[in-house]
């Protein structure tokens, strides 16, 4: 028998990819010239709430802190879908699909893999060097 992924990874992967795609669609809806100003305002306010330091329930509270974020994001997404014209939504879905295909091609290229490994090695070297310098400073 070969190695198999744990079941929870396969259960969460598809919904996470779907949410990522929907976020990309809403980005294109926000940038689309035929999107109405109030739809853009709803999208901006929904996204802004997630990054705002002032929230109804602080995010550092374990479970409840993220429920209000999820609720605002869910309601904002539903409202953006309802307020956007169907042709704009379908056009933006096509743009998101094309962007996802380009991203997958870019990720699978050899140069991208090399750049990732190089950046990780450089970061690791910086961490080790900094740690050695701090240790030398402390012990001197």
N, C-alpha and C. Protein backbone atom coordinates (compact mmCIF):
# COMPACT_ATOMS: atom_id res chain seq x y z
N UNK A 1 0.84 -1.18 0.00
CA UNK A 1 0.00 0.00 0.00
C UNK A 1 0.87 1.24 0.00
N UNK A 2 0.48 2.22 -0.77
CA UNK A 2 1.23 3.46 -0.84
C UNK A 2 0.79 4.44 0.24
N UNK A 3 1.49 5.52 0.29
CA UNK A 3 1.18 6.56 1.26
C UNK A 3 -0.06 7.31 0.82
N UNK A 4 -0.99 7.54 1.74
CA UNK A 4 -2.22 8.25 1.41
C UNK A 4 -2.31 9.50 2.25
N UNK A 5 -2.91 10.53 1.67
CA UNK A 5 -3.12 11.77 2.40
C UNK A 5 -4.15 11.54 3.51
N UNK A 6 -3.99 12.23 4.62
CA UNK A 6 -5.03 12.13 5.65
C UNK A 6 -6.36 12.64 5.10
N UNK A 7 -7.44 12.09 5.58
CA UNK A 7 -8.77 12.40 5.07
C UNK A 7 -9.14 13.87 5.25
N UNK A 8 -8.72 14.49 6.36
CA UNK A 8 -9.10 15.88 6.59
C UNK A 8 -8.47 16.82 5.57
N UNK A 9 -7.31 16.45 5.00
CA UNK A 9 -6.70 17.29 3.98
C UNK A 9 -7.52 17.29 2.70
N UNK A 10 -8.01 16.14 2.31
CA UNK A 10 -8.80 16.07 1.09
C UNK A 10 -10.18 16.70 1.30
N UNK A 11 -10.70 16.66 2.52
CA UNK A 11 -12.01 17.27 2.79
C UNK A 11 -11.94 18.79 2.76
N UNK A 12 -10.84 19.38 3.15
CA UNK A 12 -10.73 20.84 3.23
C UNK A 12 -10.13 21.46 1.98
N UNK A 13 -9.50 20.68 1.13
CA UNK A 13 -8.79 21.24 -0.02
C UNK A 13 -9.75 21.86 -1.04
N UNK A 14 -10.80 21.14 -1.40
CA UNK A 14 -11.72 21.66 -2.41
C UNK A 14 -12.48 22.90 -1.96
N UNK A 15 -13.05 22.93 -0.75
CA UNK A 15 -13.71 24.17 -0.31
C UNK A 15 -12.74 25.35 -0.23
N UNK A 16 -11.51 25.10 0.18
CA UNK A 16 -10.53 26.18 0.26
C UNK A 16 -10.20 26.71 -1.13
N UNK A 17 -10.09 25.83 -2.10
CA UNK A 17 -9.83 26.27 -3.47
C UNK A 17 -11.03 27.03 -4.03
N UNK A 18 -12.24 26.60 -3.67
CA UNK A 18 -13.44 27.29 -4.13
C UNK A 18 -13.52 28.69 -3.55
N UNK A 19 -13.18 28.83 -2.27
CA UNK A 19 -13.19 30.15 -1.64
C UNK A 19 -12.14 31.05 -2.28
N UNK A 20 -10.97 30.49 -2.58
CA UNK A 20 -9.92 31.27 -3.23
C UNK A 20 -10.37 31.74 -4.60
N UNK A 21 -11.05 30.87 -5.34
CA UNK A 21 -11.53 31.25 -6.67
C UNK A 21 -12.60 32.34 -6.56
N UNK A 22 -13.51 32.20 -5.60
CA UNK A 22 -14.55 33.22 -5.42
C UNK A 22 -13.94 34.57 -5.04
N UNK A 23 -12.90 34.55 -4.23
CA UNK A 23 -12.23 35.80 -3.87
C UNK A 23 -11.62 36.44 -5.11
N UNK A 24 -11.07 35.62 -5.99
CA UNK A 24 -10.51 36.13 -7.24
C UNK A 24 -11.62 36.71 -8.12
N UNK A 25 -12.76 36.04 -8.17
CA UNK A 25 -13.91 36.54 -8.94
C UNK A 25 -14.35 37.90 -8.40
N UNK A 26 -14.44 38.01 -7.08
CA UNK A 26 -14.88 39.29 -6.49
C UNK A 26 -13.86 40.39 -6.71
N UNK A 27 -12.59 40.04 -6.79
CA UNK A 27 -11.58 41.04 -7.12
C UNK A 27 -11.83 41.57 -8.53
N UNK A 28 -12.10 40.66 -9.47
CA UNK A 28 -12.37 41.10 -10.84
C UNK A 28 -13.69 41.88 -10.92
N UNK A 29 -14.67 41.50 -10.13
CA UNK A 29 -15.93 42.26 -10.10
C UNK A 29 -15.66 43.67 -9.59
N UNK A 30 -14.85 43.79 -8.56
CA UNK A 30 -14.52 45.11 -7.99
C UNK A 30 -13.81 45.98 -9.03
N UNK A 31 -12.95 45.39 -9.85
CA UNK A 31 -12.18 46.14 -10.84
C UNK A 31 -12.94 46.37 -12.15
N UNK A 32 -14.05 45.68 -12.34
CA UNK A 32 -14.78 45.76 -13.61
C UNK A 32 -15.40 47.14 -13.79
N UNK A 33 -15.30 47.72 -15.00
CA UNK A 33 -15.83 49.08 -15.22
C UNK A 33 -17.36 49.17 -15.16
N UNK A 34 -18.07 48.06 -15.39
CA UNK A 34 -19.53 48.13 -15.37
C UNK A 34 -20.13 47.80 -14.00
N UNK A 35 -19.28 47.59 -13.01
CA UNK A 35 -19.77 47.34 -11.67
C UNK A 35 -20.21 48.66 -11.05
N UNK A 36 -21.38 48.67 -10.46
CA UNK A 36 -21.91 49.90 -9.88
C UNK A 36 -21.11 50.30 -8.65
N UNK A 37 -21.16 51.58 -8.32
CA UNK A 37 -20.34 52.11 -7.22
C UNK A 37 -20.75 51.50 -5.88
N UNK A 38 -22.04 51.27 -5.68
CA UNK A 38 -22.46 50.73 -4.39
C UNK A 38 -22.08 49.26 -4.23
N UNK A 39 -21.96 48.54 -5.34
CA UNK A 39 -21.47 47.16 -5.27
C UNK A 39 -19.99 47.16 -4.89
N UNK A 40 -19.25 48.09 -5.47
CA UNK A 40 -17.83 48.22 -5.10
C UNK A 40 -17.69 48.60 -3.64
N UNK A 41 -18.58 49.44 -3.16
CA UNK A 41 -18.55 49.87 -1.76
C UNK A 41 -18.81 48.69 -0.83
N UNK A 42 -19.76 47.83 -1.17
CA UNK A 42 -20.04 46.65 -0.36
C UNK A 42 -18.82 45.72 -0.33
N UNK A 43 -18.21 45.51 -1.48
CA UNK A 43 -17.03 44.64 -1.55
C UNK A 43 -15.88 45.22 -0.74
N UNK A 44 -15.65 46.52 -0.86
CA UNK A 44 -14.55 47.17 -0.14
C UNK A 44 -14.80 47.16 1.36
N UNK A 45 -16.02 47.40 1.77
CA UNK A 45 -16.33 47.40 3.21
C UNK A 45 -16.22 46.00 3.81
N UNK A 46 -16.65 44.98 3.05
CA UNK A 46 -16.53 43.60 3.54
C UNK A 46 -15.06 43.21 3.72
N UNK A 47 -14.25 43.52 2.72
CA UNK A 47 -12.83 43.21 2.82
C UNK A 47 -12.15 44.07 3.88
N UNK A 48 -12.54 45.32 3.96
CA UNK A 48 -11.95 46.22 4.94
C UNK A 48 -12.23 45.81 6.37
N UNK A 49 -13.40 45.26 6.62
CA UNK A 49 -13.74 44.81 7.97
C UNK A 49 -12.81 43.69 8.42
N UNK A 50 -12.44 42.82 7.50
CA UNK A 50 -11.57 41.71 7.86
C UNK A 50 -10.19 42.20 8.30
N UNK A 51 -9.72 43.28 7.71
CA UNK A 51 -8.38 43.78 8.03
C UNK A 51 -8.40 44.90 9.05
N UNK A 52 -9.57 45.31 9.46
CA UNK A 52 -9.70 46.41 10.42
C UNK A 52 -9.31 45.95 11.82
N UNK A 53 -8.58 46.78 12.55
CA UNK A 53 -8.27 46.42 13.94
C UNK A 53 -9.47 46.59 14.87
N UNK A 54 -10.47 47.33 14.42
CA UNK A 54 -11.68 47.54 15.21
C UNK A 54 -12.77 46.62 14.68
N UNK A 55 -13.20 45.66 15.50
CA UNK A 55 -14.21 44.70 15.09
C UNK A 55 -15.23 44.52 16.20
N UNK A 56 -16.39 43.99 15.83
CA UNK A 56 -17.43 43.74 16.82
C UNK A 56 -16.97 42.75 17.88
N UNK A 57 -16.41 41.64 17.43
CA UNK A 57 -15.86 40.63 18.33
C UNK A 57 -14.40 40.48 17.95
N UNK A 58 -13.46 40.75 18.85
CA UNK A 58 -12.03 40.66 18.50
C UNK A 58 -11.64 39.28 17.99
N UNK A 59 -10.75 39.25 17.01
CA UNK A 59 -10.37 37.98 16.38
C UNK A 59 -9.53 37.10 17.29
N UNK A 60 -8.94 37.64 18.35
CA UNK A 60 -8.11 36.80 19.21
C UNK A 60 -8.93 35.91 20.14
N UNK A 61 -10.24 36.11 20.19
CA UNK A 61 -11.11 35.19 20.94
C UNK A 61 -11.24 33.93 20.08
N UNK A 62 -10.91 32.75 20.62
CA UNK A 62 -10.68 31.56 19.80
C UNK A 62 -11.67 31.26 18.68
N UNK A 63 -12.90 30.96 18.93
CA UNK A 63 -13.81 30.55 17.85
C UNK A 63 -14.75 31.68 17.47
N UNK A 64 -15.30 32.32 18.46
CA UNK A 64 -16.30 33.36 18.22
C UNK A 64 -15.69 34.55 17.48
N UNK A 65 -14.40 34.80 17.68
CA UNK A 65 -13.75 35.92 17.03
C UNK A 65 -13.73 35.82 15.53
N UNK A 66 -13.70 34.59 15.01
CA UNK A 66 -13.70 34.43 13.56
C UNK A 66 -15.10 34.27 12.99
N UNK A 67 -16.08 34.03 13.83
CA UNK A 67 -17.45 33.87 13.33
C UNK A 67 -17.99 35.18 12.76
N UNK A 68 -17.70 36.31 13.41
CA UNK A 68 -18.19 37.57 12.86
C UNK A 68 -17.48 37.91 11.55
N UNK A 69 -16.19 37.55 11.45
CA UNK A 69 -15.47 37.76 10.18
C UNK A 69 -16.10 36.92 9.08
N UNK A 70 -16.39 35.67 9.40
CA UNK A 70 -17.01 34.78 8.42
C UNK A 70 -18.38 35.29 8.01
N UNK A 71 -19.15 35.76 8.98
CA UNK A 71 -20.50 36.26 8.70
C UNK A 71 -20.45 37.49 7.79
N UNK A 72 -19.56 38.42 8.08
CA UNK A 72 -19.44 39.63 7.25
C UNK A 72 -18.99 39.25 5.84
N UNK A 73 -18.03 38.34 5.73
CA UNK A 73 -17.56 37.91 4.42
C UNK A 73 -18.66 37.19 3.65
N UNK A 74 -19.40 36.31 4.33
CA UNK A 74 -20.47 35.57 3.68
C UNK A 74 -21.58 36.50 3.19
N UNK A 75 -22.02 37.41 4.06
CA UNK A 75 -23.08 38.35 3.67
C UNK A 75 -22.62 39.30 2.58
N UNK A 76 -21.37 39.76 2.68
CA UNK A 76 -20.82 40.64 1.65
C UNK A 76 -20.76 39.95 0.30
N UNK A 77 -20.35 38.68 0.28
CA UNK A 77 -20.27 37.92 -0.97
C UNK A 77 -21.66 37.72 -1.57
N UNK A 78 -22.63 37.38 -0.71
CA UNK A 78 -24.00 37.20 -1.21
C UNK A 78 -24.55 38.51 -1.80
N UNK A 79 -24.27 39.61 -1.12
CA UNK A 79 -24.76 40.91 -1.58
C UNK A 79 -24.08 41.33 -2.88
N UNK A 80 -22.78 41.09 -2.99
CA UNK A 80 -22.07 41.42 -4.23
C UNK A 80 -22.62 40.59 -5.38
N UNK A 81 -22.89 39.31 -5.14
CA UNK A 81 -23.46 38.46 -6.19
C UNK A 81 -24.84 38.98 -6.62
N UNK A 82 -25.62 39.39 -5.65
CA UNK A 82 -26.99 39.85 -5.94
C UNK A 82 -26.98 41.20 -6.67
N UNK A 83 -26.05 42.09 -6.32
CA UNK A 83 -26.01 43.43 -6.90
C UNK A 83 -25.30 43.48 -8.25
N UNK A 84 -24.46 42.50 -8.54
CA UNK A 84 -23.70 42.51 -9.79
C UNK A 84 -24.57 41.99 -10.93
N UNK A 85 -24.47 42.62 -12.11
CA UNK A 85 -25.18 42.10 -13.27
C UNK A 85 -24.66 40.70 -13.64
N UNK A 86 -25.53 39.81 -14.07
CA UNK A 86 -25.10 38.43 -14.37
C UNK A 86 -24.00 38.35 -15.43
N UNK A 87 -24.06 39.22 -16.44
CA UNK A 87 -23.03 39.16 -17.49
C UNK A 87 -21.66 39.59 -16.95
N UNK A 88 -21.65 40.53 -16.00
CA UNK A 88 -20.39 40.95 -15.39
C UNK A 88 -19.84 39.80 -14.54
N UNK A 89 -20.71 39.13 -13.81
CA UNK A 89 -20.30 38.01 -12.97
C UNK A 89 -19.73 36.87 -13.82
N UNK A 90 -20.39 36.55 -14.93
CA UNK A 90 -19.89 35.46 -15.77
C UNK A 90 -18.57 35.84 -16.44
N UNK A 91 -18.43 37.10 -16.84
CA UNK A 91 -17.18 37.57 -17.43
C UNK A 91 -16.04 37.50 -16.40
N UNK A 92 -16.34 37.88 -15.19
CA UNK A 92 -15.32 37.85 -14.13
C UNK A 92 -14.96 36.42 -13.74
N UNK A 93 -15.91 35.50 -13.81
CA UNK A 93 -15.60 34.09 -13.56
C UNK A 93 -14.65 33.55 -14.63
N UNK A 94 -14.87 33.95 -15.87
CA UNK A 94 -13.98 33.52 -16.96
C UNK A 94 -12.58 34.10 -16.75
N UNK A 95 -12.51 35.36 -16.33
CA UNK A 95 -11.20 35.96 -16.05
C UNK A 95 -10.50 35.24 -14.90
N UNK A 96 -11.24 34.87 -13.88
CA UNK A 96 -10.66 34.15 -12.74
C UNK A 96 -10.17 32.77 -13.16
N UNK A 97 -10.93 32.09 -14.03
CA UNK A 97 -10.50 30.79 -14.52
C UNK A 97 -9.21 30.90 -15.32
N UNK A 98 -9.13 31.93 -16.18
CA UNK A 98 -7.92 32.14 -16.97
C UNK A 98 -6.73 32.49 -16.08
N UNK A 99 -6.96 33.30 -15.07
CA UNK A 99 -5.87 33.66 -14.15
C UNK A 99 -5.40 32.44 -13.36
N UNK A 100 -6.33 31.57 -12.98
CA UNK A 100 -5.97 30.34 -12.26
C UNK A 100 -5.14 29.41 -13.15
N UNK A 101 -5.51 29.31 -14.42
CA UNK A 101 -4.75 28.46 -15.35
C UNK A 101 -3.34 29.02 -15.54
N UNK A 102 -3.22 30.35 -15.67
CA UNK A 102 -1.89 30.97 -15.80
C UNK A 102 -1.06 30.76 -14.53
N UNK A 103 -1.71 30.86 -13.38
CA UNK A 103 -0.99 30.68 -12.11
C UNK A 103 -0.47 29.26 -11.99
N UNK A 104 -1.27 28.29 -12.39
CA UNK A 104 -0.83 26.89 -12.33
C UNK A 104 0.33 26.64 -13.28
N UNK A 105 0.32 27.27 -14.46
CA UNK A 105 1.44 27.13 -15.39
C UNK A 105 2.69 27.77 -14.79
N UNK A 106 2.53 28.93 -14.17
CA UNK A 106 3.68 29.62 -13.58
C UNK A 106 4.26 28.83 -12.42
N UNK A 107 3.41 28.25 -11.60
CA UNK A 107 3.88 27.49 -10.44
C UNK A 107 4.62 26.23 -10.88
N UNK A 108 4.16 25.64 -11.96
CA UNK A 108 4.78 24.39 -12.40
C UNK A 108 6.07 24.59 -13.17
N UNK A 109 6.43 25.83 -13.47
CA UNK A 109 7.66 26.05 -14.23
C UNK A 109 8.87 25.77 -13.34
N UNK A 110 9.96 25.38 -13.97
CA UNK A 110 11.19 25.06 -13.24
C UNK A 110 11.79 26.29 -12.57
N UNK A 111 11.70 27.43 -13.23
CA UNK A 111 12.28 28.64 -12.65
C UNK A 111 11.57 29.03 -11.36
N UNK A 112 10.27 28.86 -11.33
CA UNK A 112 9.52 29.19 -10.12
C UNK A 112 9.94 28.30 -8.97
N UNK A 113 10.12 27.03 -9.23
CA UNK A 113 10.58 26.12 -8.18
C UNK A 113 11.97 26.50 -7.70
N UNK A 114 12.85 26.82 -8.65
CA UNK A 114 14.20 27.23 -8.28
C UNK A 114 14.17 28.50 -7.44
N UNK A 115 13.34 29.47 -7.84
CA UNK A 115 13.24 30.73 -7.10
C UNK A 115 12.72 30.49 -5.68
N UNK A 116 11.76 29.59 -5.54
CA UNK A 116 11.23 29.28 -4.21
C UNK A 116 12.30 28.64 -3.33
N UNK A 117 13.02 27.67 -3.87
CA UNK A 117 14.08 26.99 -3.10
C UNK A 117 15.18 27.98 -2.75
N UNK A 118 15.55 28.84 -3.69
CA UNK A 118 16.59 29.84 -3.44
C UNK A 118 16.16 30.81 -2.35
N UNK A 119 14.92 31.28 -2.40
CA UNK A 119 14.43 32.22 -1.39
C UNK A 119 14.37 31.55 -0.02
N UNK A 120 13.95 30.29 0.04
CA UNK A 120 13.89 29.58 1.31
C UNK A 120 15.29 29.36 1.87
N UNK A 121 16.26 29.02 1.01
CA UNK A 121 17.64 28.82 1.47
C UNK A 121 18.24 30.14 1.95
N UNK A 122 17.95 31.22 1.24
CA UNK A 122 18.45 32.53 1.64
C UNK A 122 17.86 32.94 2.98
N UNK A 123 16.57 32.70 3.17
CA UNK A 123 15.92 33.02 4.44
C UNK A 123 16.53 32.20 5.57
N UNK A 124 16.73 30.91 5.33
CA UNK A 124 17.32 30.04 6.34
C UNK A 124 18.73 30.49 6.70
N UNK A 125 19.51 30.88 5.70
CA UNK A 125 20.86 31.38 5.94
C UNK A 125 20.82 32.65 6.78
N UNK A 126 19.87 33.55 6.48
CA UNK A 126 19.74 34.78 7.25
C UNK A 126 19.36 34.49 8.70
N UNK A 127 18.48 33.52 8.91
CA UNK A 127 18.06 33.18 10.27
C UNK A 127 19.22 32.59 11.06
N UNK A 128 19.96 31.67 10.45
CA UNK A 128 21.09 31.05 11.13
C UNK A 128 22.17 32.09 11.43
N UNK A 129 22.47 32.96 10.49
CA UNK A 129 23.48 34.00 10.69
C UNK A 129 23.06 34.95 11.80
N UNK A 130 21.81 35.38 11.77
CA UNK A 130 21.32 36.30 12.80
C UNK A 130 21.36 35.63 14.18
N UNK A 131 20.96 34.39 14.24
CA UNK A 131 20.99 33.67 15.51
C UNK A 131 22.41 33.54 16.05
N UNK A 132 23.36 33.25 15.16
CA UNK A 132 24.76 33.14 15.58
C UNK A 132 25.29 34.48 16.07
N UNK A 133 24.94 35.56 15.38
CA UNK A 133 25.39 36.89 15.81
C UNK A 133 24.79 37.28 17.15
N UNK A 134 23.51 37.00 17.36
CA UNK A 134 22.86 37.31 18.63
C UNK A 134 23.48 36.47 19.75
N UNK A 135 23.74 35.20 19.48
CA UNK A 135 24.35 34.33 20.50
C UNK A 135 25.75 34.82 20.84
N UNK A 136 26.52 35.23 19.83
CA UNK A 136 27.86 35.75 20.09
C UNK A 136 27.80 37.03 20.89
N UNK A 137 26.84 37.88 20.61
CA UNK A 137 26.69 39.14 21.35
C UNK A 137 26.30 38.88 22.81
N UNK A 138 25.41 37.93 23.02
CA UNK A 138 24.96 37.63 24.37
C UNK A 138 26.09 37.03 25.21
N UNK A 139 26.86 36.12 24.64
CA UNK A 139 27.90 35.45 25.40
C UNK A 139 29.18 36.27 25.53
N UNK A 140 29.28 37.37 24.87
CA UNK A 140 30.47 38.22 24.98
C UNK A 140 30.29 39.21 26.03
